[in-house]
N, C-alpha and C. Protein backbone atom coordinates (compact mmCIF):
# COMPACT_ATOMS: atom_id res chain seq x y z
N UNK A 1 -38.43 8.41 -35.70
CA UNK A 1 -38.90 9.01 -37.04
C UNK A 1 -38.32 8.17 -38.01
N UNK A 2 -37.14 7.81 -38.04
CA UNK A 2 -36.56 6.93 -39.08
C UNK A 2 -36.53 5.48 -38.74
N UNK A 3 -35.86 4.67 -39.71
CA UNK A 3 -35.62 3.37 -39.27
C UNK A 3 -34.30 2.95 -38.78
N UNK A 4 -34.24 1.82 -38.06
CA UNK A 4 -33.02 1.31 -37.78
C UNK A 4 -32.14 0.95 -38.93
N UNK A 5 -30.77 1.32 -38.73
CA UNK A 5 -29.71 1.06 -39.80
C UNK A 5 -28.99 -0.02 -39.07
N UNK A 6 -28.80 -1.17 -39.88
CA UNK A 6 -27.83 -2.30 -39.64
C UNK A 6 -26.43 -2.02 -39.53
N UNK A 7 -25.63 -2.70 -38.92
CA UNK A 7 -24.30 -2.57 -39.07
C UNK A 7 -23.74 -2.76 -40.32
N UNK A 8 -24.27 -3.49 -41.29
CA UNK A 8 -23.87 -3.52 -42.50
C UNK A 8 -24.14 -2.41 -43.44
N UNK A 9 -25.23 -1.77 -43.12
CA UNK A 9 -25.84 -0.54 -43.62
C UNK A 9 -24.84 0.61 -43.29
N UNK A 10 -24.52 0.76 -42.01
CA UNK A 10 -23.49 1.68 -41.53
C UNK A 10 -22.24 1.56 -42.12
N UNK A 11 -21.77 0.19 -42.35
CA UNK A 11 -20.66 -0.07 -42.96
C UNK A 11 -20.51 0.47 -44.48
N UNK A 12 -21.53 0.33 -45.14
CA UNK A 12 -21.76 0.63 -46.48
C UNK A 12 -21.57 2.18 -46.47
N UNK A 13 -22.28 3.03 -45.60
CA UNK A 13 -22.17 4.44 -45.69
C UNK A 13 -20.68 4.82 -45.44
N UNK A 14 -20.04 4.31 -44.35
CA UNK A 14 -18.63 4.53 -44.06
C UNK A 14 -17.74 4.28 -45.07
N UNK A 15 -18.01 3.19 -45.81
CA UNK A 15 -16.97 2.80 -46.77
C UNK A 15 -16.99 3.67 -48.06
N UNK A 16 -18.29 4.10 -48.32
CA UNK A 16 -18.52 4.99 -49.35
C UNK A 16 -17.84 6.37 -49.16
N UNK A 17 -17.97 6.80 -47.97
CA UNK A 17 -17.50 8.21 -47.65
C UNK A 17 -15.95 8.05 -47.42
N UNK A 18 -15.42 7.04 -46.78
CA UNK A 18 -13.92 7.06 -46.69
C UNK A 18 -13.22 6.95 -48.05
N UNK A 19 -13.96 6.17 -48.99
CA UNK A 19 -13.46 6.16 -50.26
C UNK A 19 -13.42 7.50 -50.95
N UNK A 20 -14.30 8.27 -50.58
CA UNK A 20 -14.31 9.78 -51.07
C UNK A 20 -13.29 10.68 -50.37
N UNK A 21 -13.39 10.49 -49.14
CA UNK A 21 -12.44 11.48 -48.23
C UNK A 21 -11.00 11.18 -48.41
N UNK A 22 -10.71 9.93 -48.53
CA UNK A 22 -9.21 9.41 -48.56
C UNK A 22 -8.66 8.99 -49.83
N UNK A 23 -9.57 8.88 -50.82
CA UNK A 23 -9.10 8.66 -52.11
C UNK A 23 -8.33 7.30 -52.15
N UNK A 24 -9.03 6.25 -51.52
CA UNK A 24 -8.39 4.86 -51.26
C UNK A 24 -8.96 4.13 -52.65
N UNK A 25 -8.08 2.99 -53.01
CA UNK A 25 -8.74 2.23 -54.06
C UNK A 25 -9.76 1.36 -53.67
N UNK A 26 -10.81 1.29 -54.63
CA UNK A 26 -12.03 0.55 -54.21
C UNK A 26 -11.98 -0.79 -53.74
N UNK A 27 -10.80 -1.47 -53.98
CA UNK A 27 -10.70 -2.78 -53.46
C UNK A 27 -10.09 -2.79 -52.05
N UNK A 28 -9.99 -1.76 -51.39
CA UNK A 28 -9.41 -1.71 -50.05
C UNK A 28 -9.92 -2.85 -49.11
N UNK A 29 -9.11 -3.24 -48.20
CA UNK A 29 -9.55 -4.32 -47.43
C UNK A 29 -10.36 -3.52 -46.27
N UNK A 30 -11.22 -4.46 -45.83
CA UNK A 30 -11.98 -4.31 -44.64
C UNK A 30 -12.09 -5.45 -43.77
N UNK A 31 -11.84 -5.25 -42.54
CA UNK A 31 -11.63 -6.36 -41.74
C UNK A 31 -12.97 -6.45 -40.69
N UNK A 32 -13.65 -7.52 -40.63
CA UNK A 32 -14.71 -7.83 -39.88
C UNK A 32 -14.57 -8.79 -38.79
N UNK A 33 -15.13 -8.33 -37.59
CA UNK A 33 -14.91 -9.13 -36.57
C UNK A 33 -15.86 -10.26 -36.45
N UNK A 34 -15.62 -11.26 -35.51
CA UNK A 34 -16.70 -12.41 -35.67
C UNK A 34 -18.13 -12.02 -35.05
N UNK A 35 -18.91 -12.84 -35.70
CA UNK A 35 -20.41 -12.46 -35.32
C UNK A 35 -21.16 -12.12 -36.39
N UNK A 36 -20.65 -11.90 -37.64
CA UNK A 36 -21.53 -11.44 -38.89
C UNK A 36 -21.92 -12.77 -39.45
N UNK A 37 -23.10 -12.77 -39.98
CA UNK A 37 -23.64 -13.88 -40.76
C UNK A 37 -23.04 -13.97 -42.04
N UNK A 38 -23.16 -14.94 -42.66
CA UNK A 38 -22.66 -15.06 -44.30
C UNK A 38 -23.24 -14.20 -44.98
N UNK A 39 -24.61 -13.91 -44.72
CA UNK A 39 -25.50 -13.10 -45.63
C UNK A 39 -24.97 -11.53 -45.32
N UNK A 40 -24.63 -11.14 -44.13
CA UNK A 40 -24.32 -9.85 -43.86
C UNK A 40 -22.79 -9.66 -44.53
N UNK A 41 -21.99 -10.66 -44.40
CA UNK A 41 -20.66 -10.50 -45.07
C UNK A 41 -20.63 -10.38 -46.56
N UNK A 42 -21.54 -11.15 -47.16
CA UNK A 42 -21.87 -11.09 -48.62
C UNK A 42 -22.31 -9.66 -48.90
N UNK A 43 -23.26 -9.09 -48.16
CA UNK A 43 -23.70 -7.62 -48.41
C UNK A 43 -22.58 -6.68 -48.40
N UNK A 44 -21.79 -6.93 -47.46
CA UNK A 44 -20.58 -6.00 -47.29
C UNK A 44 -19.62 -6.13 -48.42
N UNK A 45 -19.42 -7.31 -48.84
CA UNK A 45 -18.55 -7.61 -49.97
C UNK A 45 -18.92 -6.84 -51.16
N UNK A 46 -20.12 -6.64 -51.26
CA UNK A 46 -20.70 -6.01 -52.58
C UNK A 46 -20.41 -4.60 -52.62
N UNK A 47 -19.68 -4.05 -51.40
CA UNK A 47 -19.29 -2.59 -51.57
C UNK A 47 -18.03 -2.58 -52.49
N UNK A 48 -17.36 -3.64 -52.65
CA UNK A 48 -16.21 -3.63 -53.61
C UNK A 48 -14.94 -3.66 -52.82
N UNK A 49 -15.17 -4.22 -51.66
CA UNK A 49 -13.92 -4.18 -50.61
C UNK A 49 -13.77 -5.81 -50.41
N UNK A 50 -12.61 -6.00 -50.13
CA UNK A 50 -12.13 -7.44 -49.76
C UNK A 50 -12.43 -7.47 -48.15
N UNK A 51 -13.38 -8.28 -47.88
CA UNK A 51 -13.72 -8.48 -46.42
C UNK A 51 -12.91 -9.73 -45.85
N UNK A 52 -12.23 -9.49 -44.72
CA UNK A 52 -11.45 -10.55 -44.13
C UNK A 52 -11.98 -10.70 -42.65
N UNK A 53 -12.24 -11.65 -42.13
CA UNK A 53 -12.60 -11.96 -40.79
C UNK A 53 -11.40 -11.91 -39.65
N UNK A 54 -11.55 -11.46 -38.74
CA UNK A 54 -10.45 -11.41 -37.64
C UNK A 54 -10.97 -12.30 -36.55
N UNK A 55 -9.92 -12.53 -35.60
CA UNK A 55 -10.35 -13.05 -34.21
C UNK A 55 -11.12 -12.08 -33.48
N UNK A 56 -11.71 -12.54 -32.31
CA UNK A 56 -12.47 -11.43 -31.54
C UNK A 56 -11.43 -10.56 -30.80
N UNK A 57 -12.01 -9.32 -30.46
CA UNK A 57 -11.34 -8.45 -29.49
C UNK A 57 -10.58 -7.35 -30.22
N UNK A 58 -10.47 -6.30 -29.44
CA UNK A 58 -9.65 -5.02 -30.05
C UNK A 58 -8.39 -5.27 -30.49
N UNK A 59 -7.64 -6.17 -29.64
CA UNK A 59 -6.18 -6.41 -30.05
C UNK A 59 -5.94 -7.03 -31.43
N UNK A 60 -6.95 -7.88 -31.70
CA UNK A 60 -6.86 -8.68 -32.98
C UNK A 60 -7.31 -7.59 -34.18
N UNK A 61 -8.38 -6.76 -33.90
CA UNK A 61 -8.72 -5.93 -34.99
C UNK A 61 -7.53 -4.80 -35.07
N UNK A 62 -6.88 -4.34 -34.03
CA UNK A 62 -5.98 -3.44 -34.21
C UNK A 62 -4.78 -3.94 -35.05
N UNK A 63 -4.25 -5.39 -34.59
CA UNK A 63 -3.31 -5.95 -35.39
C UNK A 63 -3.54 -6.11 -36.80
N UNK A 64 -4.69 -6.53 -37.20
CA UNK A 64 -5.20 -6.66 -38.62
C UNK A 64 -5.01 -5.50 -39.45
N UNK A 65 -5.54 -4.32 -38.71
CA UNK A 65 -5.58 -3.02 -39.53
C UNK A 65 -4.04 -2.61 -39.85
N UNK A 66 -3.22 -2.72 -38.71
CA UNK A 66 -1.88 -2.17 -38.84
C UNK A 66 -1.18 -3.24 -39.77
N UNK A 67 -1.29 -4.41 -39.63
CA UNK A 67 -0.42 -5.43 -40.32
C UNK A 67 -0.79 -5.35 -41.85
N UNK A 68 -2.03 -5.05 -42.35
CA UNK A 68 -2.58 -5.12 -43.63
C UNK A 68 -2.89 -3.95 -44.28
N UNK A 69 -2.54 -2.73 -43.65
CA UNK A 69 -2.91 -1.33 -44.26
C UNK A 69 -4.33 -1.33 -44.70
N UNK A 70 -5.10 -1.79 -43.89
CA UNK A 70 -6.62 -1.74 -44.21
C UNK A 70 -7.36 -0.44 -43.95
N UNK A 71 -8.39 -0.21 -44.43
CA UNK A 71 -8.98 0.87 -44.47
C UNK A 71 -10.03 1.01 -43.12
N UNK A 72 -10.69 -0.03 -42.83
CA UNK A 72 -11.79 0.02 -41.85
C UNK A 72 -11.97 -1.39 -41.31
N UNK A 73 -12.13 -1.42 -39.87
CA UNK A 73 -12.53 -2.67 -39.20
C UNK A 73 -14.04 -2.41 -38.62
N UNK A 74 -14.64 -3.44 -38.73
CA UNK A 74 -16.18 -3.48 -38.12
C UNK A 74 -16.53 -4.65 -37.36
N UNK A 75 -17.34 -4.58 -36.34
CA UNK A 75 -17.83 -5.58 -35.60
C UNK A 75 -19.27 -5.49 -35.77
N UNK A 76 -20.05 -6.61 -35.54
CA UNK A 76 -21.55 -6.56 -35.78
C UNK A 76 -22.20 -5.91 -34.72
N UNK A 77 -21.48 -5.61 -33.49
CA UNK A 77 -21.98 -4.83 -32.49
C UNK A 77 -22.09 -3.26 -32.71
N UNK A 78 -21.52 -2.95 -33.79
CA UNK A 78 -21.57 -1.50 -34.25
C UNK A 78 -20.23 -0.92 -33.89
N UNK A 79 -19.14 -1.63 -33.48
CA UNK A 79 -17.78 -0.95 -33.16
C UNK A 79 -17.09 -0.72 -34.59
N UNK A 80 -16.53 0.26 -34.83
CA UNK A 80 -15.76 0.64 -36.08
C UNK A 80 -14.32 1.09 -35.72
N UNK A 81 -13.29 0.52 -36.26
CA UNK A 81 -11.90 0.98 -36.27
C UNK A 81 -11.47 1.61 -37.56
N UNK A 82 -10.67 2.78 -37.50
CA UNK A 82 -10.43 3.41 -38.61
C UNK A 82 -8.92 3.25 -38.73
N UNK A 83 -8.38 3.20 -40.01
CA UNK A 83 -6.96 2.98 -40.15
C UNK A 83 -6.09 4.07 -39.62
N UNK A 84 -6.61 5.31 -39.51
CA UNK A 84 -5.66 6.18 -38.92
C UNK A 84 -5.61 6.33 -37.36
N UNK A 85 -6.59 5.47 -36.65
CA UNK A 85 -6.46 5.41 -35.23
C UNK A 85 -6.85 4.01 -34.94
N UNK A 86 -6.16 2.84 -35.17
CA UNK A 86 -6.62 1.57 -35.05
C UNK A 86 -6.53 1.14 -33.62
N UNK A 87 -6.21 1.92 -32.55
CA UNK A 87 -5.94 1.38 -31.33
C UNK A 87 -7.33 1.44 -30.68
N UNK A 88 -8.24 2.02 -31.15
CA UNK A 88 -9.54 2.09 -30.31
C UNK A 88 -10.77 2.21 -31.32
N UNK A 89 -11.88 1.69 -31.05
CA UNK A 89 -13.11 1.95 -31.88
C UNK A 89 -13.17 3.51 -31.68
N UNK A 90 -13.57 4.08 -32.72
CA UNK A 90 -13.68 5.65 -32.76
C UNK A 90 -15.04 6.08 -33.07
N UNK A 91 -15.91 6.41 -32.05
CA UNK A 91 -17.19 6.81 -32.15
C UNK A 91 -17.39 8.23 -32.76
N UNK A 92 -16.42 9.13 -32.40
CA UNK A 92 -16.38 10.55 -32.92
C UNK A 92 -16.19 10.59 -34.42
N UNK A 93 -15.26 9.57 -34.83
CA UNK A 93 -14.91 9.61 -36.47
C UNK A 93 -16.17 9.19 -36.93
N UNK A 94 -16.68 8.15 -36.52
CA UNK A 94 -17.94 7.51 -37.09
C UNK A 94 -19.09 8.49 -37.17
N UNK A 95 -19.19 9.32 -36.10
CA UNK A 95 -20.31 10.38 -36.16
C UNK A 95 -19.99 11.49 -37.17
N UNK A 96 -18.71 11.89 -37.16
CA UNK A 96 -18.26 12.95 -38.23
C UNK A 96 -18.47 12.57 -39.64
N UNK A 97 -18.34 11.16 -40.04
CA UNK A 97 -18.40 10.65 -41.21
C UNK A 97 -19.80 10.50 -41.65
N UNK A 98 -20.83 9.91 -40.64
CA UNK A 98 -22.05 9.87 -40.88
C UNK A 98 -22.84 11.23 -41.26
N UNK A 99 -22.35 12.23 -40.38
CA UNK A 99 -22.92 13.63 -40.58
C UNK A 99 -22.64 14.11 -41.85
N UNK A 100 -21.25 13.96 -42.29
CA UNK A 100 -20.80 14.28 -43.78
C UNK A 100 -21.77 13.69 -44.76
N UNK A 101 -22.10 12.41 -44.61
CA UNK A 101 -22.91 11.75 -45.48
C UNK A 101 -24.52 12.14 -45.58
N UNK A 102 -25.11 12.42 -44.34
CA UNK A 102 -26.26 13.09 -44.14
C UNK A 102 -26.38 14.37 -44.73
N UNK A 103 -25.25 15.34 -44.87
CA UNK A 103 -25.21 16.57 -45.06
C UNK A 103 -25.46 16.76 -46.58
N UNK A 104 -25.20 15.70 -47.37
CA UNK A 104 -25.29 15.72 -48.72
C UNK A 104 -26.41 15.68 -49.27
N UNK A 105 -27.54 15.33 -48.54
CA UNK A 105 -28.96 15.23 -49.08
C UNK A 105 -29.78 15.56 -47.81
N UNK A 106 -31.12 15.29 -48.12
CA UNK A 106 -32.19 15.60 -47.20
C UNK A 106 -32.61 14.23 -46.71
N UNK A 107 -32.11 13.19 -47.09
CA UNK A 107 -32.55 11.81 -46.98
C UNK A 107 -32.27 11.48 -45.41
N UNK A 108 -33.15 10.57 -44.79
CA UNK A 108 -32.78 9.96 -43.48
C UNK A 108 -31.52 9.12 -43.51
N UNK A 109 -30.95 8.78 -42.47
CA UNK A 109 -29.90 7.80 -42.54
C UNK A 109 -30.30 6.76 -43.04
N UNK A 110 -31.32 6.07 -42.68
CA UNK A 110 -31.86 4.78 -43.26
C UNK A 110 -32.06 4.74 -44.73
N UNK A 111 -32.14 5.85 -45.39
CA UNK A 111 -32.53 5.97 -46.84
C UNK A 111 -30.82 6.12 -47.40
N UNK A 112 -29.95 6.67 -46.61
CA UNK A 112 -28.69 6.78 -47.26
C UNK A 112 -27.92 5.26 -47.28
N UNK A 113 -28.15 4.56 -46.46
CA UNK A 113 -27.60 3.23 -46.33
C UNK A 113 -28.23 2.33 -47.34
């Protein structure tokens, strides 16, 4: 019934919700794993965050989040790491944030992104 939402679309939703929920500065860092195109990285940068690419793999993402007090880590395959639990990609936190975003209107997820 809805349309596919791209990883950068999900990133936009997450970043906006995390900004509201955690009261972080709008220029918070976001770490992107390898594989994003320059166009995707440019769209993510328009969210108002500093996008920094990392080496591949969970260990590199975990270290980048921890060492830089970053807000969010994302990979183009759809894995998201959150600052409060950087040791693993967290699908439950992702789902909770997406549900919060969806609960604020009657729009489909593709329209929220």
